[in-house]
Amino acid sequence: MIGHPKPHLGLALISIFLIAASATPLSIAPTPPKPSVYDILTQFGLPRGLLPDSVKSYSLSENGEFVVNLEGSCYIQFDYLVYYDASITGTLKYGSITNLKGIQVQRFFLWFDVDEIKVDLPPSNSIYFLVGFINKKLDVQQFQAIRSCGNGVSVSCRDHSKQVLQLPDEVDEIQKLMAE
């Protein structure tokens, strides 16, 4: 004899399905926002103002290698005029940036690549820019605030266009630059 379907079995299956569906979250928790490149610098013991405010994007690998893309190349006047290429690369370690490409400093109308940037550990009031074999000690305070980049005035030098800012007007400042 053929049995009749049991209606309470179907009701039980629907109830189990509804309970299981309600136990499953309907939305996935949002991923935390990616920290800013300036926050990354401070996590590595470096000042926020090493990079200009024109950072468009960045990537950082697990081994510390990074790429920072700016809106364009630009300049910032610190104790020295610093040039930032549109793309900056290097290796980030606690207290230092090594294998640096894309940052230059002007000295006596010449441009020199900054190869490494480091701070004292434990932190002090100094930051060091390694330019070739010269290690230049600077006051870290000038790198605490994030600064805006300037474009300056175009000057052509050996078929390469470089931007420079206006030189200081005061004679004392020019003599100070020449004495260093």
N, C-alpha and C. Protein backbone atom coordinates (compact mmCIF):
# COMPACT_ATOMS: atom_id res chain seq x y z
N MET A 1 0.82 -1.17 0.00
CA MET A 1 0.00 0.00 0.00
C MET A 1 0.87 1.24 0.00
N ILE A 2 0.48 2.22 -0.76
CA ILE A 2 1.23 3.46 -0.87
C ILE A 2 0.83 4.37 0.28
N GLY A 3 1.89 4.87 0.97
CA GLY A 3 1.61 5.73 2.11
C GLY A 3 1.38 7.18 1.68
N HIS A 4 0.68 7.88 2.51
CA HIS A 4 0.45 9.30 2.25
C HIS A 4 1.64 10.11 2.76
N PRO A 5 2.00 11.14 2.02
CA PRO A 5 3.10 11.98 2.51
C PRO A 5 2.71 12.61 3.85
N LYS A 6 3.68 12.74 4.70
CA LYS A 6 3.42 13.30 6.02
C LYS A 6 3.68 14.81 5.98
N PRO A 7 2.64 15.61 6.17
CA PRO A 7 2.80 17.06 6.07
C PRO A 7 3.73 17.63 7.13
N HIS A 8 3.80 17.01 8.28
CA HIS A 8 4.66 17.57 9.34
C HIS A 8 6.15 17.42 8.98
N LEU A 9 6.53 16.45 8.13
CA LEU A 9 7.92 16.29 7.70
C LEU A 9 8.34 17.45 6.81
N GLY A 10 7.49 17.87 5.89
CA GLY A 10 7.78 19.02 5.04
C GLY A 10 7.90 20.30 5.84
N LEU A 11 7.03 20.45 6.83
CA LEU A 11 7.06 21.63 7.69
C LEU A 11 8.36 21.64 8.50
N ALA A 12 8.80 20.49 8.95
CA ALA A 12 10.05 20.41 9.72
C ALA A 12 11.25 20.78 8.85
N LEU A 13 11.27 20.32 7.60
CA LEU A 13 12.38 20.67 6.70
C LEU A 13 12.42 22.17 6.41
N ILE A 14 11.28 22.78 6.20
CA ILE A 14 11.22 24.23 5.96
C ILE A 14 11.70 24.98 7.20
N SER A 15 11.31 24.53 8.38
CA SER A 15 11.74 25.18 9.63
C SER A 15 13.25 25.10 9.79
N ILE A 16 13.82 23.94 9.52
CA ILE A 16 15.28 23.78 9.62
C ILE A 16 15.99 24.70 8.63
N PHE A 17 15.48 24.78 7.42
CA PHE A 17 16.07 25.65 6.40
C PHE A 17 16.04 27.12 6.84
N LEU A 18 14.90 27.57 7.38
CA LEU A 18 14.77 28.96 7.83
C LEU A 18 15.69 29.26 9.00
N ILE A 19 15.84 28.33 9.92
CA ILE A 19 16.74 28.54 11.07
C ILE A 19 18.18 28.62 10.59
N ALA A 20 18.57 27.74 9.68
CA ALA A 20 19.94 27.75 9.16
C ALA A 20 20.22 29.03 8.39
N ALA A 21 19.26 29.50 7.63
CA ALA A 21 19.44 30.73 6.85
C ALA A 21 19.57 31.94 7.76
N SER A 22 18.81 31.96 8.86
CA SER A 22 18.89 33.11 9.76
C SER A 22 20.18 33.10 10.57
N ALA A 23 20.80 31.96 10.76
CA ALA A 23 22.06 31.87 11.50
C ALA A 23 23.24 32.32 10.65
N THR A 24 23.11 32.29 9.34
CA THR A 24 24.19 32.70 8.45
C THR A 24 24.13 34.22 8.29
N PRO A 25 25.24 34.92 8.52
CA PRO A 25 25.20 36.38 8.36
C PRO A 25 24.90 36.75 6.92
N LEU A 26 24.07 37.75 6.77
CA LEU A 26 23.68 38.19 5.44
C LEU A 26 24.73 39.09 4.81
N SER A 27 25.50 39.77 5.65
CA SER A 27 26.53 40.65 5.09
C SER A 27 27.89 40.28 5.67
N ILE A 28 28.90 40.44 4.87
CA ILE A 28 30.27 40.16 5.30
C ILE A 28 30.80 41.43 5.96
N ALA A 29 31.50 41.27 7.06
CA ALA A 29 32.05 42.43 7.77
C ALA A 29 32.97 43.20 6.83
N PRO A 30 32.85 44.52 6.82
CA PRO A 30 33.70 45.31 5.92
C PRO A 30 35.17 45.20 6.31
N THR A 31 36.04 45.19 5.31
CA THR A 31 37.47 45.16 5.59
C THR A 31 37.88 46.53 6.10
N PRO A 32 38.80 46.56 7.05
CA PRO A 32 39.23 47.86 7.56
C PRO A 32 39.89 48.67 6.44
N PRO A 33 39.76 49.99 6.50
CA PRO A 33 40.36 50.80 5.45
C PRO A 33 41.88 50.68 5.45
N LYS A 34 42.47 50.79 4.28
CA LYS A 34 43.92 50.73 4.13
C LYS A 34 44.52 51.96 4.81
N PRO A 35 45.54 51.79 5.66
CA PRO A 35 46.14 52.97 6.31
C PRO A 35 46.80 53.87 5.27
N SER A 36 46.87 55.15 5.58
CA SER A 36 47.52 56.08 4.65
C SER A 36 49.02 55.80 4.64
N VAL A 37 49.69 56.24 3.60
CA VAL A 37 51.14 56.06 3.50
C VAL A 37 51.84 56.81 4.64
N TYR A 38 51.23 57.91 5.10
CA TYR A 38 51.81 58.69 6.20
C TYR A 38 51.72 57.90 7.51
N ASP A 39 50.62 57.16 7.70
CA ASP A 39 50.50 56.29 8.87
C ASP A 39 51.51 55.15 8.81
N ILE A 40 51.75 54.63 7.62
CA ILE A 40 52.76 53.57 7.44
C ILE A 40 54.14 54.09 7.85
N LEU A 41 54.47 55.31 7.43
CA LEU A 41 55.77 55.89 7.80
C LEU A 41 55.93 55.92 9.32
N THR A 42 54.91 56.38 10.03
CA THR A 42 55.02 56.46 11.49
C THR A 42 55.08 55.07 12.13
N GLN A 43 54.41 54.09 11.54
CA GLN A 43 54.49 52.72 12.05
C GLN A 43 55.91 52.17 11.94
N PHE A 44 56.69 52.71 11.01
CA PHE A 44 58.08 52.30 10.83
C PHE A 44 59.06 53.28 11.48
N GLY A 45 58.56 54.14 12.37
CA GLY A 45 59.42 55.03 13.13
C GLY A 45 59.94 56.23 12.36
N LEU A 46 59.32 56.54 11.23
CA LEU A 46 59.76 57.65 10.37
C LEU A 46 58.75 58.79 10.43
N PRO A 47 59.19 60.03 10.20
CA PRO A 47 58.26 61.16 10.25
C PRO A 47 57.29 61.19 9.07
N ARG A 48 56.07 61.66 9.32
CA ARG A 48 55.00 61.71 8.32
C ARG A 48 55.35 62.60 7.14
N GLY A 49 56.12 63.64 7.36
CA GLY A 49 56.38 64.63 6.33
C GLY A 49 57.50 64.29 5.36
N LEU A 50 57.96 63.05 5.34
CA LEU A 50 58.97 62.67 4.35
C LEU A 50 58.41 62.70 2.94
N LEU A 51 57.10 62.50 2.81
CA LEU A 51 56.45 62.51 1.50
C LEU A 51 55.51 63.71 1.41
N PRO A 52 55.32 64.24 0.21
CA PRO A 52 54.42 65.38 0.03
C PRO A 52 52.95 64.98 0.15
N ASP A 53 52.08 65.97 0.16
CA ASP A 53 50.65 65.71 0.29
C ASP A 53 50.00 65.23 -1.00
N SER A 54 50.78 65.06 -2.05
CA SER A 54 50.23 64.70 -3.37
C SER A 54 50.31 63.20 -3.67
N VAL A 55 50.36 62.35 -2.63
CA VAL A 55 50.40 60.90 -2.85
C VAL A 55 49.06 60.45 -3.41
N LYS A 56 49.12 59.79 -4.55
CA LYS A 56 47.93 59.29 -5.24
C LYS A 56 47.63 57.85 -4.82
N SER A 57 48.68 57.04 -4.71
CA SER A 57 48.52 55.64 -4.32
C SER A 57 49.86 55.10 -3.84
N TYR A 58 49.79 53.96 -3.18
CA TYR A 58 51.02 53.28 -2.77
C TYR A 58 50.76 51.79 -2.64
N SER A 59 51.85 51.03 -2.70
CA SER A 59 51.79 49.60 -2.42
C SER A 59 52.99 49.26 -1.54
N LEU A 60 52.78 48.31 -0.64
CA LEU A 60 53.83 47.88 0.28
C LEU A 60 53.77 46.37 0.37
N SER A 61 54.89 45.71 0.02
CA SER A 61 54.93 44.25 0.08
C SER A 61 55.35 43.80 1.47
N GLU A 62 55.21 42.52 1.73
CA GLU A 62 55.56 41.97 3.04
C GLU A 62 57.04 42.12 3.37
N ASN A 63 57.90 42.16 2.35
CA ASN A 63 59.34 42.31 2.61
C ASN A 63 59.76 43.78 2.72
N GLY A 64 58.80 44.71 2.69
CA GLY A 64 59.10 46.12 2.88
C GLY A 64 59.29 46.92 1.61
N GLU A 65 59.33 46.26 0.47
CA GLU A 65 59.48 47.00 -0.78
C GLU A 65 58.21 47.78 -1.05
N PHE A 66 58.38 49.03 -1.48
CA PHE A 66 57.21 49.88 -1.70
C PHE A 66 57.32 50.66 -3.00
N VAL A 67 56.18 51.11 -3.47
CA VAL A 67 56.06 52.03 -4.59
C VAL A 67 55.05 53.09 -4.16
N VAL A 68 55.44 54.36 -4.26
CA VAL A 68 54.54 55.47 -3.97
C VAL A 68 54.37 56.25 -5.26
N ASN A 69 53.14 56.47 -5.66
CA ASN A 69 52.84 57.25 -6.86
C ASN A 69 52.26 58.60 -6.45
N LEU A 70 52.89 59.66 -6.95
CA LEU A 70 52.41 61.01 -6.69
C LEU A 70 51.56 61.48 -7.87
N GLU A 71 50.86 62.58 -7.67
CA GLU A 71 50.07 63.16 -8.77
C GLU A 71 50.98 63.65 -9.89
N GLY A 72 52.21 63.92 -9.57
CA GLY A 72 53.21 64.36 -10.54
C GLY A 72 54.50 64.68 -9.80
N SER A 73 55.58 64.90 -10.54
CA SER A 73 56.84 65.26 -9.89
C SER A 73 56.70 66.66 -9.29
N CYS A 74 57.45 66.91 -8.21
CA CYS A 74 57.32 68.20 -7.53
C CYS A 74 58.50 68.45 -6.59
N TYR A 75 58.47 69.61 -5.94
CA TYR A 75 59.56 70.07 -5.09
C TYR A 75 59.03 70.56 -3.75
N ILE A 76 59.84 70.37 -2.71
CA ILE A 76 59.56 70.95 -1.40
C ILE A 76 60.85 71.54 -0.87
N GLN A 77 60.75 72.74 -0.30
CA GLN A 77 61.91 73.40 0.29
C GLN A 77 61.99 73.03 1.76
N PHE A 78 62.98 72.22 2.12
CA PHE A 78 63.32 71.95 3.51
C PHE A 78 64.59 72.76 3.76
N ASP A 79 65.53 72.26 4.58
CA ASP A 79 66.84 72.93 4.67
C ASP A 79 67.47 72.99 3.28
N TYR A 80 67.12 72.00 2.45
CA TYR A 80 67.57 71.95 1.06
C TYR A 80 66.34 71.76 0.19
N LEU A 81 66.48 72.10 -1.08
CA LEU A 81 65.39 71.87 -2.02
C LEU A 81 65.37 70.38 -2.36
N VAL A 82 64.20 69.75 -2.21
CA VAL A 82 64.06 68.31 -2.44
C VAL A 82 63.12 68.10 -3.62
N TYR A 83 63.55 67.25 -4.55
CA TYR A 83 62.76 66.89 -5.73
C TYR A 83 62.17 65.51 -5.53
N TYR A 84 60.87 65.39 -5.82
CA TYR A 84 60.17 64.10 -5.75
C TYR A 84 59.74 63.73 -7.15
N ASP A 85 60.17 62.56 -7.62
CA ASP A 85 59.72 62.05 -8.91
C ASP A 85 58.27 61.60 -8.76
N ALA A 86 57.58 61.41 -9.87
CA ALA A 86 56.17 60.98 -9.82
C ALA A 86 56.04 59.58 -9.23
N SER A 87 57.11 58.78 -9.29
CA SER A 87 57.10 57.44 -8.70
C SER A 87 58.34 57.29 -7.82
N ILE A 88 58.13 56.87 -6.59
CA ILE A 88 59.21 56.70 -5.62
C ILE A 88 59.19 55.24 -5.16
N THR A 89 60.37 54.61 -5.16
CA THR A 89 60.47 53.21 -4.75
C THR A 89 61.56 53.06 -3.70
N GLY A 90 61.50 51.98 -2.96
CA GLY A 90 62.52 51.70 -1.96
C GLY A 90 62.11 50.53 -1.10
N THR A 91 62.88 50.32 -0.03
CA THR A 91 62.60 49.26 0.93
C THR A 91 62.45 49.90 2.30
N LEU A 92 61.31 49.65 2.91
CA LEU A 92 60.99 50.23 4.21
C LEU A 92 61.33 49.23 5.30
N LYS A 93 62.13 49.69 6.26
CA LYS A 93 62.46 48.90 7.45
C LYS A 93 62.25 49.82 8.64
N TYR A 94 62.16 49.26 9.83
CA TYR A 94 61.94 50.12 10.98
C TYR A 94 63.12 51.09 11.13
N GLY A 95 62.82 52.38 11.04
CA GLY A 95 63.82 53.43 11.20
C GLY A 95 64.57 53.80 9.95
N SER A 96 64.25 53.18 8.80
CA SER A 96 65.00 53.52 7.59
C SER A 96 64.24 53.21 6.31
N ILE A 97 64.67 53.88 5.26
CA ILE A 97 64.26 53.58 3.89
C ILE A 97 65.55 53.36 3.11
N THR A 98 65.71 52.18 2.53
CA THR A 98 66.90 51.86 1.76
C THR A 98 66.52 51.64 0.30
N ASN A 99 67.54 51.49 -0.55
CA ASN A 99 67.31 51.27 -2.00
C ASN A 99 66.38 52.33 -2.58
N LEU A 100 66.49 53.54 -2.10
CA LEU A 100 65.57 54.61 -2.46
C LEU A 100 65.83 55.13 -3.87
N LYS A 101 64.77 55.28 -4.63
CA LYS A 101 64.82 55.85 -5.98
C LYS A 101 63.67 56.85 -6.10
N GLY A 102 63.95 58.01 -6.71
CA GLY A 102 62.88 58.97 -6.97
C GLY A 102 62.90 60.21 -6.10
N ILE A 103 63.90 60.34 -5.22
CA ILE A 103 64.05 61.55 -4.40
C ILE A 103 65.45 62.08 -4.61
N GLN A 104 65.54 63.39 -4.88
CA GLN A 104 66.84 64.04 -5.06
C GLN A 104 66.89 65.30 -4.22
N VAL A 105 68.10 65.72 -3.90
CA VAL A 105 68.32 66.94 -3.14
C VAL A 105 69.25 67.85 -3.93
N GLN A 106 68.98 69.16 -3.87
CA GLN A 106 69.81 70.11 -4.61
C GLN A 106 70.89 70.65 -3.69
N ARG A 107 72.10 70.70 -4.21
CA ARG A 107 73.24 71.23 -3.48
C ARG A 107 74.13 71.96 -4.47
N PHE A 108 74.31 73.27 -4.28
CA PHE A 108 75.13 74.09 -5.18
C PHE A 108 74.69 73.94 -6.63
N PHE A 109 73.41 74.03 -6.89
CA PHE A 109 72.82 73.98 -8.23
C PHE A 109 72.95 72.61 -8.90
N LEU A 110 73.41 71.62 -8.16
CA LEU A 110 73.49 70.25 -8.68
C LEU A 110 72.47 69.39 -7.94
N TRP A 111 71.99 68.35 -8.62
CA TRP A 111 71.02 67.43 -8.03
C TRP A 111 71.69 66.11 -7.72
N PHE A 112 71.46 65.60 -6.50
CA PHE A 112 72.04 64.35 -6.05
C PHE A 112 70.93 63.40 -5.61
N ASP A 113 71.07 62.12 -5.98
CA ASP A 113 70.11 61.11 -5.56
C ASP A 113 70.23 60.86 -4.06
N VAL A 114 69.09 60.77 -3.39
CA VAL A 114 69.06 60.34 -1.99
C VAL A 114 68.91 58.83 -2.02
N ASP A 115 69.93 58.13 -1.51
CA ASP A 115 69.96 56.66 -1.58
C ASP A 115 69.29 56.00 -0.38
N GLU A 116 69.31 56.70 0.76
CA GLU A 116 68.79 56.12 1.99
C GLU A 116 68.38 57.23 2.94
N ILE A 117 67.35 56.98 3.73
CA ILE A 117 66.92 57.89 4.78
C ILE A 117 66.80 57.07 6.04
N LYS A 118 67.35 57.58 7.15
CA LYS A 118 67.24 56.83 8.40
C LYS A 118 67.13 57.78 9.58
N VAL A 119 66.60 57.26 10.67
CA VAL A 119 66.51 58.00 11.92
C VAL A 119 67.25 57.23 12.99
N ASP A 120 67.60 57.93 14.07
CA ASP A 120 68.24 57.27 15.21
C ASP A 120 67.23 56.39 15.93
N LEU A 121 67.71 55.28 16.44
CA LEU A 121 66.90 54.41 17.28
C LEU A 121 67.62 54.23 18.61
N PRO A 122 67.06 54.62 19.72
CA PRO A 122 65.76 55.25 19.88
C PRO A 122 65.74 56.63 19.23
N PRO A 123 64.53 57.12 18.93
CA PRO A 123 64.40 58.39 18.20
C PRO A 123 65.09 59.56 18.88
N SER A 124 65.66 60.41 18.06
CA SER A 124 66.30 61.64 18.53
C SER A 124 65.74 62.79 17.69
N ASN A 125 66.41 63.89 17.69
CA ASN A 125 65.98 65.04 16.90
C ASN A 125 66.62 65.07 15.52
N SER A 126 67.22 63.97 15.11
CA SER A 126 67.96 63.96 13.85
C SER A 126 67.40 62.93 12.87
N ILE A 127 67.58 63.26 11.59
CA ILE A 127 67.27 62.35 10.49
C ILE A 127 68.47 62.43 9.55
N TYR A 128 68.78 61.35 8.88
CA TYR A 128 69.97 61.29 8.04
C TYR A 128 69.59 60.95 6.61
N PHE A 129 70.14 61.73 5.68
CA PHE A 129 69.97 61.46 4.24
C PHE A 129 71.32 61.01 3.72
N LEU A 130 71.37 59.79 3.19
CA LEU A 130 72.60 59.28 2.59
C LEU A 130 72.57 59.62 1.11
N VAL A 131 73.52 60.45 0.70
CA VAL A 131 73.64 60.91 -0.69
C VAL A 131 75.02 60.46 -1.16
N GLY A 132 75.05 59.38 -1.96
CA GLY A 132 76.34 58.82 -2.34
C GLY A 132 77.02 58.29 -1.09
N PHE A 133 78.23 58.76 -0.82
CA PHE A 133 78.94 58.34 0.39
C PHE A 133 78.83 59.37 1.50
N ILE A 134 78.07 60.45 1.28
CA ILE A 134 77.90 61.51 2.27
C ILE A 134 76.62 61.25 3.06
N ASN A 135 76.74 61.29 4.38
CA ASN A 135 75.61 61.11 5.27
C ASN A 135 75.29 62.46 5.89
N LYS A 136 74.20 63.11 5.46
CA LYS A 136 73.86 64.46 5.92
C LYS A 136 72.85 64.39 7.06
N LYS A 137 73.23 64.94 8.21
CA LYS A 137 72.37 64.97 9.39
C LYS A 137 71.50 66.23 9.33
N LEU A 138 70.17 66.05 9.49
CA LEU A 138 69.22 67.16 9.45
C LEU A 138 68.32 67.12 10.67
N ASP A 139 67.69 68.25 10.98
CA ASP A 139 66.73 68.33 12.07
C ASP A 139 65.44 67.64 11.65
N VAL A 140 65.01 66.64 12.40
CA VAL A 140 63.83 65.85 12.04
C VAL A 140 62.54 66.68 12.12
N GLN A 141 62.54 67.76 12.89
CA GLN A 141 61.33 68.57 13.05
C GLN A 141 60.77 69.07 11.72
N GLN A 142 61.63 69.38 10.78
CA GLN A 142 61.16 69.90 9.49
C GLN A 142 60.40 68.86 8.67
N PHE A 143 60.45 67.60 9.09
CA PHE A 143 59.77 66.52 8.38
C PHE A 143 58.55 65.98 9.14
N GLN A 144 58.15 66.66 10.20
CA GLN A 144 57.01 66.19 10.99
C GLN A 144 55.67 66.47 10.31
N ALA A 145 55.54 67.65 9.69
CA ALA A 145 54.28 68.03 9.03
C ALA A 145 54.32 67.64 7.56
N ILE A 146 53.17 67.21 7.05
CA ILE A 146 53.05 66.88 5.62
C ILE A 146 52.93 68.19 4.86
N ARG A 147 53.78 68.38 3.86
CA ARG A 147 53.82 69.64 3.12
C ARG A 147 53.28 69.48 1.71
N SER A 148 52.87 70.62 1.16
CA SER A 148 52.42 70.66 -0.23
C SER A 148 53.62 70.79 -1.15
N CYS A 149 53.50 70.19 -2.30
CA CYS A 149 54.55 70.25 -3.31
C CYS A 149 54.35 71.46 -4.20
N GLY A 150 55.45 72.00 -4.71
CA GLY A 150 55.39 73.08 -5.69
C GLY A 150 55.99 72.64 -7.00
N ASN A 151 55.56 73.31 -8.06
CA ASN A 151 56.09 72.99 -9.39
C ASN A 151 57.27 73.87 -9.74
N GLY A 152 57.33 75.10 -9.27
CA GLY A 152 58.45 75.99 -9.54
C GLY A 152 58.49 76.46 -10.97
N VAL A 153 59.67 76.85 -11.41
CA VAL A 153 59.90 77.39 -12.74
C VAL A 153 60.73 76.39 -13.53
N SER A 154 60.35 76.11 -14.75
CA SER A 154 61.10 75.14 -15.57
C SER A 154 62.46 75.68 -15.96
N VAL A 155 63.45 74.83 -15.83
CA VAL A 155 64.79 75.16 -16.27
C VAL A 155 65.32 73.95 -17.02
N SER A 156 65.84 74.16 -18.20
CA SER A 156 66.36 73.05 -18.98
C SER A 156 67.84 72.90 -18.70
N CYS A 157 68.25 71.67 -18.42
CA CYS A 157 69.65 71.39 -18.11
C CYS A 157 70.03 70.07 -18.76
N ARG A 158 70.94 70.10 -19.74
CA ARG A 158 71.39 68.90 -20.44
C ARG A 158 70.23 68.08 -20.99
N ASP A 159 69.35 68.71 -21.67
CA ASP A 159 68.19 68.05 -22.29
C ASP A 159 67.23 67.42 -21.29
N HIS A 160 67.38 67.73 -19.99
CA HIS A 160 66.44 67.25 -18.98
C HIS A 160 65.76 68.47 -18.39
N SER A 161 64.47 68.43 -18.34
CA SER A 161 63.73 69.54 -17.74
C SER A 161 63.62 69.31 -16.25
N LYS A 162 64.06 70.26 -15.47
CA LYS A 162 63.96 70.20 -14.01
C LYS A 162 63.18 71.42 -13.55
N GLN A 163 62.48 71.29 -12.45
CA GLN A 163 61.77 72.39 -11.85
C GLN A 163 62.61 72.87 -10.66
N VAL A 164 62.72 74.17 -10.49
CA VAL A 164 63.41 74.72 -9.33
C VAL A 164 62.58 75.84 -8.75
N LEU A 165 62.69 76.03 -7.45
CA LEU A 165 62.02 77.14 -6.80
C LEU A 165 62.97 78.33 -6.78
N GLN A 166 62.42 79.49 -6.50
CA GLN A 166 63.21 80.71 -6.49
C GLN A 166 64.26 80.64 -5.39
N LEU A 167 65.46 81.13 -5.67
CA LEU A 167 66.54 81.14 -4.70
C LEU A 167 66.26 82.16 -3.61
N PRO A 168 66.84 82.00 -2.42
CA PRO A 168 66.61 82.96 -1.34
C PRO A 168 67.11 84.34 -1.74
N ASP A 169 66.38 85.37 -1.30
CA ASP A 169 66.74 86.75 -1.63
C ASP A 169 67.83 87.29 -0.72
N GLU A 170 67.86 86.83 0.51
CA GLU A 170 68.80 87.40 1.47
C GLU A 170 70.22 86.88 1.23
N VAL A 171 71.17 87.80 1.25
CA VAL A 171 72.57 87.46 1.04
C VAL A 171 73.07 86.50 2.12
N ASP A 172 72.62 86.69 3.36
CA ASP A 172 73.06 85.81 4.45
C ASP A 172 72.69 84.36 4.18
N GLU A 173 71.50 84.14 3.62
CA GLU A 173 71.08 82.77 3.33
C GLU A 173 71.93 82.17 2.22
N ILE A 174 72.28 82.97 1.21
CA ILE A 174 73.13 82.48 0.12
C ILE A 174 74.51 82.12 0.65
N GLN A 175 75.06 82.98 1.52
CA GLN A 175 76.37 82.69 2.10
C GLN A 175 76.31 81.42 2.95
N LYS A 176 75.21 81.23 3.66
CA LYS A 176 75.05 80.02 4.48
C LYS A 176 75.05 78.77 3.59
N LEU A 177 74.36 78.84 2.46
CA LEU A 177 74.33 77.71 1.54
C LEU A 177 75.72 77.43 0.98
N MET A 178 76.46 78.47 0.65
CA MET A 178 77.78 78.31 0.07
C MET A 178 78.79 77.77 1.09
N ALA A 179 78.59 78.09 2.37
CA ALA A 179 79.53 77.67 3.41
C ALA A 179 79.37 76.20 3.77
N GLU A 180 78.21 75.65 3.53
CA GLU A 180 77.97 74.25 3.93
C GLU A 180 78.60 73.27 2.98
